[in-house]
Amino acid sequence: MGLDSDGHKRITTGENFALLGGTQETHEVMTVKTIKINEKLKARGQRLDTVSHEEFAEIAQEVGTEQV
């Protein structure tokens, strides 16, 4: 979820994700990183619902996503 706003309502969905809000720039960055996470999962032969927390954190770090 993007917490910054420029007055537009943005929603993007795809395999394993639904992105809401954010400015155009924030929303684009979230979309790219989410797609990269899905690509890395697929390359590892893993799925979001079965990957361990540690492996997900590693993938997220590889694509430049801050761990929450």
PDB file of N, CA and C in Angstrom:
ATOM      1  N   MET A   1       0.843  -1.165   0.000  1.00  0.00           N
ATOM      2  CA  MET A   1       0.000   0.000   0.000  1.00  0.00           C
ATOM      3  C   MET A   1       0.897   1.240   0.000  1.00  0.00           C
ATOM      4  N   GLY A   2       0.652   2.125  -0.965  1.00  0.00           N
ATOM      5  CA  GLY A   2       1.369   3.390  -1.013  1.00  0.00           C
ATOM      6  C   GLY A   2       0.625   4.414  -0.167  1.00  0.00           C
ATOM      7  N   LEU A   3       1.303   5.017   0.779  1.00  0.00           N
ATOM      8  CA  LEU A   3       0.644   5.952   1.684  1.00  0.00           C
ATOM      9  C   LEU A   3       0.718   7.398   1.222  1.00  0.00           C
ATOM     10  N   ASP A   4       1.592   7.678   0.256  1.00  0.00           N
ATOM     11  CA  ASP A   4       1.622   9.040  -0.284  1.00  0.00           C
ATOM     12  C   ASP A   4       0.543   9.151  -1.361  1.00  0.00           C
ATOM     13  N   SER A   5       0.147  10.355  -1.683  1.00  0.00           N
ATOM     14  CA  SER A   5      -0.946  10.512  -2.639  1.00  0.00           C
ATOM     15  C   SER A   5      -0.782  11.792  -3.443  1.00  0.00           C
ATOM     16  N   ASP A   6      -1.294  11.733  -4.662  1.00  0.00           N
ATOM     17  CA  ASP A   6      -1.345  12.924  -5.499  1.00  0.00           C
ATOM     18  C   ASP A   6      -2.783  13.176  -5.958  1.00  0.00           C
ATOM     19  N   GLY A   7      -3.736  12.556  -5.249  1.00  0.00           N
ATOM     20  CA  GLY A   7      -5.139  12.757  -5.570  1.00  0.00           C
ATOM     21  C   GLY A   7      -5.746  11.703  -6.480  1.00  0.00           C
ATOM     22  N   HIS A   8      -4.919  10.865  -7.090  1.00  0.00           N
ATOM     23  CA  HIS A   8      -5.423   9.798  -7.967  1.00  0.00           C
ATOM     24  C   HIS A   8      -5.558   8.511  -7.172  1.00  0.00           C
ATOM     25  N   LYS A   9      -6.492   7.683  -7.568  1.00  0.00           N
ATOM     26  CA  LYS A   9      -6.675   6.376  -6.942  1.00  0.00           C
ATOM     27  C   LYS A   9      -6.081   5.330  -7.878  1.00  0.00           C
ATOM     28  N   ARG A  10      -5.079   4.617  -7.389  1.00  0.00           N
ATOM     29  CA  ARG A  10      -4.400   3.618  -8.210  1.00  0.00           C
ATOM     30  C   ARG A  10      -4.559   2.243  -7.590  1.00  0.00           C
ATOM     31  N   ILE A  11      -4.903   1.276  -8.417  1.00  0.00           N
ATOM     32  CA  ILE A  11      -5.013  -0.116  -7.997  1.00  0.00           C
ATOM     33  C   ILE A  11      -4.410  -0.967  -9.110  1.00  0.00           C
ATOM     34  N   THR A  12      -3.471  -1.814  -8.741  1.00  0.00           N
ATOM     35  CA  THR A  12      -2.871  -2.743  -9.693  1.00  0.00           C
ATOM     36  C   THR A  12      -2.881  -4.123  -9.057  1.00  0.00           C
ATOM     37  N   THR A  13      -3.335  -5.120  -9.807  1.00  0.00           N
ATOM     38  CA  THR A  13      -3.343  -6.484  -9.294  1.00  0.00           C
ATOM     39  C   THR A  13      -2.605  -7.397 -10.260  1.00  0.00           C
ATOM     40  N   GLY A  14      -2.105  -8.470  -9.720  1.00  0.00           N
ATOM     41  CA  GLY A  14      -1.407  -9.458 -10.523  1.00  0.00           C
ATOM     42  C   GLY A  14      -1.242 -10.724  -9.716  1.00  0.00           C
ATOM     43  N   GLU A  15      -0.456 -11.636 -10.232  1.00  0.00           N
ATOM     44  CA  GLU A  15      -0.219 -12.885  -9.527  1.00  0.00           C
ATOM     45  C   GLU A  15       0.432 -12.580  -8.177  1.00  0.00           C
ATOM     46  N   ASN A  16      -0.194 -12.983  -7.124  1.00  0.00           N
ATOM     47  CA  ASN A  16       0.306 -12.827  -5.755  1.00  0.00           C
ATOM     48  C   ASN A  16       0.290 -11.408  -5.210  1.00  0.00           C
ATOM     49  N   PHE A  17      -0.352 -10.449  -5.880  1.00  0.00           N
ATOM     50  CA  PHE A  17      -0.310  -9.110  -5.311  1.00  0.00           C
ATOM     51  C   PHE A  17      -1.505  -8.244  -5.687  1.00  0.00           C
ATOM     52  N   ALA A  18      -1.754  -7.272  -4.819  1.00  0.00           N
ATOM     53  CA  ALA A  18      -2.705  -6.187  -5.070  1.00  0.00           C
ATOM     54  C   ALA A  18      -2.072  -4.947  -4.478  1.00  0.00           C
ATOM     55  N   LEU A  19      -1.818  -3.962  -5.321  1.00  0.00           N
ATOM     56  CA  LEU A  19      -1.192  -2.717  -4.887  1.00  0.00           C
ATOM     57  C   LEU A  19      -2.225  -1.606  -4.877  1.00  0.00           C
ATOM     58  N   LEU A  20      -2.220  -0.830  -3.822  1.00  0.00           N
ATOM     59  CA  LEU A  20      -3.197   0.237  -3.656  1.00  0.00           C
ATOM     60  C   LEU A  20      -2.493   1.546  -3.328  1.00  0.00           C
ATOM     61  N   GLY A  21      -2.936   2.608  -3.975  1.00  0.00           N
ATOM     62  CA  GLY A  21      -2.506   3.954  -3.606  1.00  0.00           C
ATOM     63  C   GLY A  21      -1.123   4.332  -4.082  1.00  0.00           C
ATOM     64  N   GLY A  22      -0.663   5.421  -3.515  1.00  0.00           N
ATOM     65  CA  GLY A  22       0.641   5.968  -3.853  1.00  0.00           C
ATOM     66  C   GLY A  22       0.574   6.940  -5.005  1.00  0.00           C
ATOM     67  N   THR A  23       1.590   7.763  -5.077  1.00  0.00           N
ATOM     68  CA  THR A  23       1.727   8.645  -6.234  1.00  0.00           C
ATOM     69  C   THR A  23       2.062   7.784  -7.442  1.00  0.00           C
ATOM     70  N   GLN A  24       2.085   8.372  -8.614  1.00  0.00           N
ATOM     71  CA  GLN A  24       2.422   7.603  -9.817  1.00  0.00           C
ATOM     72  C   GLN A  24       3.793   6.958  -9.657  1.00  0.00           C
ATOM     73  N   GLU A  25       4.761   7.728  -9.163  1.00  0.00           N
ATOM     74  CA  GLU A  25       6.112   7.199  -9.007  1.00  0.00           C
ATOM     75  C   GLU A  25       6.161   6.056  -7.993  1.00  0.00           C
ATOM     76  N   THR A  26       5.536   6.240  -6.844  1.00  0.00           N
ATOM     77  CA  THR A  26       5.524   5.201  -5.819  1.00  0.00           C
ATOM     78  C   THR A  26       4.848   3.938  -6.335  1.00  0.00           C
ATOM     79  N   HIS A  27       3.729   4.093  -6.996  1.00  0.00           N
ATOM     80  CA  HIS A  27       2.980   2.950  -7.503  1.00  0.00           C
ATOM     81  C   HIS A  27       3.798   2.189  -8.544  1.00  0.00           C
ATOM     82  N   GLU A  28       4.488   2.902  -9.409  1.00  0.00           N
ATOM     83  CA  GLU A  28       5.330   2.253 -10.420  1.00  0.00           C
ATOM     84  C   GLU A  28       6.461   1.478  -9.768  1.00  0.00           C
ATOM     85  N   VAL A  29       7.098   2.062  -8.751  1.00  0.00           N
ATOM     86  CA  VAL A  29       8.198   1.388  -8.055  1.00  0.00           C
ATOM     87  C   VAL A  29       7.682   0.127  -7.373  1.00  0.00           C
ATOM     88  N   MET A  30       6.536   0.219  -6.701  1.00  0.00           N
ATOM     89  CA  MET A  30       5.951  -0.951  -6.038  1.00  0.00           C
ATOM     90  C   MET A  30       5.635  -2.048  -7.056  1.00  0.00           C
ATOM     91  N   THR A  31       5.088  -1.669  -8.200  1.00  0.00           N
ATOM     92  CA  THR A  31       4.730  -2.635  -9.227  1.00  0.00           C
ATOM     93  C   THR A  31       5.966  -3.363  -9.754  1.00  0.00           C
ATOM     94  N   VAL A  32       7.008  -2.626 -10.068  1.00  0.00           N
ATOM     95  CA  VAL A  32       8.234  -3.229 -10.599  1.00  0.00           C
ATOM     96  C   VAL A  32       8.838  -4.196  -9.586  1.00  0.00           C
ATOM     97  N   LYS A  33       8.920  -3.775  -8.331  1.00  0.00           N
ATOM     98  CA  LYS A  33       9.529  -4.639  -7.311  1.00  0.00           C
ATOM     99  C   LYS A  33       8.691  -5.892  -7.071  1.00  0.00           C
ATOM    100  N   THR A  34       7.386  -5.758  -7.095  1.00  0.00           N
ATOM    101  CA  THR A  34       6.516  -6.910  -6.896  1.00  0.00           C
ATOM    102  C   THR A  34       6.662  -7.904  -8.037  1.00  0.00           C
ATOM    103  N   ILE A  35       6.730  -7.413  -9.255  1.00  0.00           N
ATOM    104  CA  ILE A  35       6.931  -8.285 -10.414  1.00  0.00           C
ATOM    105  C   ILE A  35       8.282  -8.996 -10.312  1.00  0.00           C
ATOM    106  N   LYS A  36       9.320  -8.282  -9.890  1.00  0.00           N
ATOM    107  CA  LYS A  36      10.648  -8.893  -9.734  1.00  0.00           C
ATOM    108  C   LYS A  36      10.628  -9.984  -8.672  1.00  0.00           C
ATOM    109  N   ILE A  37       9.893  -9.766  -7.581  1.00  0.00           N
ATOM    110  CA  ILE A  37       9.779 -10.794  -6.543  1.00  0.00           C
ATOM    111  C   ILE A  37       9.130 -12.038  -7.136  1.00  0.00           C
ATOM    112  N   ASN A  38       8.053 -11.861  -7.888  1.00  0.00           N
ATOM    113  CA  ASN A  38       7.384 -13.008  -8.515  1.00  0.00           C
ATOM    114  C   ASN A  38       8.318 -13.735  -9.477  1.00  0.00           C
ATOM    115  N   GLU A  39       9.112 -12.989 -10.238  1.00  0.00           N
ATOM    116  CA  GLU A  39      10.050 -13.609 -11.174  1.00  0.00           C
ATOM    117  C   GLU A  39      11.099 -14.432 -10.438  1.00  0.00           C
ATOM    118  N   LYS A  40      11.612 -13.904  -9.333  1.00  0.00           N
ATOM    119  CA  LYS A  40      12.620 -14.627  -8.561  1.00  0.00           C
ATOM    120  C   LYS A  40      12.031 -15.881  -7.918  1.00  0.00           C
ATOM    121  N   LEU A  41      10.805 -15.775  -7.424  1.00  0.00           N
ATOM    122  CA  LEU A  41      10.145 -16.959  -6.875  1.00  0.00           C
ATOM    123  C   LEU A  41      10.015 -18.044  -7.945  1.00  0.00           C
ATOM    124  N   LYS A  42       9.571 -17.642  -9.125  1.00  0.00           N
ATOM    125  CA  LYS A  42       9.385 -18.596 -10.226  1.00  0.00           C
ATOM    126  C   LYS A  42      10.720 -19.229 -10.622  1.00  0.00           C
ATOM    127  N   ALA A  43      11.782 -18.414 -10.685  1.00  0.00           N
ATOM    128  CA  ALA A  43      13.105 -18.927 -11.054  1.00  0.00           C
ATOM    129  C   ALA A  43      13.610 -19.946 -10.030  1.00  0.00           C
ATOM    130  N   ARG A  44      13.198 -19.779  -8.778  1.00  0.00           N
ATOM    131  CA  ARG A  44      13.596 -20.714  -7.722  1.00  0.00           C
ATOM    132  C   ARG A  44      12.659 -21.911  -7.637  1.00  0.00           C
ATOM    133  N   GLY A  45      11.605 -21.899  -8.449  1.00  0.00           N
ATOM    134  CA  GLY A  45      10.638 -22.984  -8.405  1.00  0.00           C
ATOM    135  C   GLY A  45       9.787 -22.953  -7.149  1.00  0.00           C
ATOM    136  N   GLN A  46       9.593 -21.752  -6.606  1.00  0.00           N
ATOM    137  CA  GLN A  46       8.828 -21.602  -5.373  1.00  0.00           C
ATOM    138  C   GLN A  46       7.566 -20.796  -5.614  1.00  0.00           C
ATOM    139  N   ARG A  47       6.672 -20.885  -4.639  1.00  0.00           N
ATOM    140  CA  ARG A  47       5.438 -20.102  -4.686  1.00  0.00           C
ATOM    141  C   ARG A  47       5.371 -19.238  -3.441  1.00  0.00           C
ATOM    142  N   LEU A  48       4.657 -18.146  -3.533  1.00  0.00           N
ATOM    143  CA  LEU A  48       4.550 -17.223  -2.408  1.00  0.00           C
ATOM    144  C   LEU A  48       3.967 -17.908  -1.172  1.00  0.00           C
ATOM    145  N   ASP A  49       3.017 -18.793  -1.375  1.00  0.00           N
ATOM    146  CA  ASP A  49       2.366 -19.423  -0.223  1.00  0.00           C
ATOM    147  C   ASP A  49       3.196 -20.537   0.422  1.00  0.00           C
ATOM    148  N   THR A  50       4.336 -20.875  -0.176  1.00  0.00           N
ATOM    149  CA  THR A  50       5.160 -21.931   0.412  1.00  0.00           C
ATOM    150  C   THR A  50       6.582 -21.482   0.746  1.00  0.00           C
ATOM    151  N   VAL A  51       6.986 -20.305   0.305  1.00  0.00           N
ATOM    152  CA  VAL A  51       8.342 -19.823   0.568  1.00  0.00           C
ATOM    153  C   VAL A  51       8.467 -19.459   2.051  1.00  0.00           C
ATOM    154  N   SER A  52       9.629 -19.749   2.628  1.00  0.00           N
ATOM    155  CA  SER A  52       9.832 -19.422   4.039  1.00  0.00           C
ATOM    156  C   SER A  52      10.005 -17.916   4.214  1.00  0.00           C
ATOM    157  N   HIS A  53       9.787 -17.464   5.427  1.00  0.00           N
ATOM    158  CA  HIS A  53       9.956 -16.040   5.738  1.00  0.00           C
ATOM    159  C   HIS A  53      11.385 -15.595   5.425  1.00  0.00           C
ATOM    160  N   GLU A  54      12.348 -16.422   5.778  1.00  0.00           N
ATOM    161  CA  GLU A  54      13.756 -16.081   5.550  1.00  0.00           C
ATOM    162  C   GLU A  54      14.063 -15.964   4.057  1.00  0.00           C
ATOM    163  N   GLU A  55      13.538 -16.924   3.272  1.00  0.00           N
ATOM    164  CA  GLU A  55      13.771 -16.877   1.825  1.00  0.00           C
ATOM    165  C   GLU A  55      13.087 -15.666   1.197  1.00  0.00           C
ATOM    166  N   PHE A  56      11.876 -15.356   1.658  1.00  0.00           N
ATOM    167  CA  PHE A  56      11.190 -14.188   1.132  1.00  0.00           C
ATOM    168  C   PHE A  56      11.963 -12.917   1.461  1.00  0.00           C
ATOM    169  N   ALA A  57      12.471 -12.819   2.679  1.00  0.00           N
ATOM    170  CA  ALA A  57      13.251 -11.639   3.080  1.00  0.00           C
ATOM    171  C   ALA A  57      14.491 -11.501   2.200  1.00  0.00           C
ATOM    172  N   GLU A  58      15.125 -12.627   1.878  1.00  0.00           N
ATOM    173  CA  GLU A  58      16.302 -12.612   1.006  1.00  0.00           C
ATOM    174  C   GLU A  58      15.942 -12.099  -0.394  1.00  0.00           C
ATOM    175  N   ILE A  59      14.853 -12.602  -0.939  1.00  0.00           N
ATOM    176  CA  ILE A  59      14.393 -12.172  -2.267  1.00  0.00           C
ATOM    177  C   ILE A  59      14.037 -10.683  -2.249  1.00  0.00           C
ATOM    178  N   ALA A  60      13.309 -10.272  -1.228  1.00  0.00           N
ATOM    179  CA  ALA A  60      12.914  -8.870  -1.122  1.00  0.00           C
ATOM    180  C   ALA A  60      14.141  -7.963  -1.061  1.00  0.00           C
ATOM    181  N   GLN A  61      15.167  -8.385  -0.332  1.00  0.00           N
ATOM    182  CA  GLN A  61      16.397  -7.602  -0.242  1.00  0.00           C
ATOM    183  C   GLN A  61      17.084  -7.539  -1.601  1.00  0.00           C
ATOM    184  N   GLU A  62      17.080  -8.636  -2.351  1.00  0.00           N
ATOM    185  CA  GLU A  62      17.703  -8.675  -3.673  1.00  0.00           C
ATOM    186  C   GLU A  62      17.071  -7.663  -4.623  1.00  0.00           C
ATOM    187  N   VAL A  63      15.768  -7.437  -4.518  1.00  0.00           N
ATOM    188  CA  VAL A  63      15.104  -6.497  -5.418  1.00  0.00           C
ATOM    189  C   VAL A  63      15.036  -5.088  -4.848  1.00  0.00           C
ATOM    190  N   GLY A  64      15.636  -4.895  -3.665  1.00  0.00           N
ATOM    191  CA  GLY A  64      15.718  -3.552  -3.089  1.00  0.00           C
ATOM    192  C   GLY A  64      14.496  -3.124  -2.294  1.00  0.00           C
ATOM    193  N   THR A  65      13.754  -4.096  -1.800  1.00  0.00           N
ATOM    194  CA  THR A  65      12.596  -3.784  -0.975  1.00  0.00           C
ATOM    195  C   THR A  65      13.003  -3.802   0.480  1.00  0.00           C
ATOM    196  N   GLU A  66      12.631  -2.776   1.215  1.00  0.00           N
ATOM    197  CA  GLU A  66      12.955  -2.745   2.633  1.00  0.00           C
ATOM    198  C   GLU A  66      12.110  -3.768   3.362  1.00  0.00           C
ATOM    199  N   GLN A  67      12.756  -4.492   4.268  1.00  0.00           N
ATOM    200  CA  GLN A  67      12.036  -5.503   5.044  1.00  0.00           C
ATOM    201  C   GLN A  67      11.217  -4.807   6.120  1.00  0.00           C
ATOM    202  N   VAL A  68       9.974  -5.235   6.248  1.00  0.00           N
ATOM    203  CA  VAL A  68       9.084  -4.663   7.247  1.00  0.00           C
ATOM    204  C   VAL A  68       8.863  -5.643   8.369  1.00  0.00           C
TER     205      VAL A  68
END
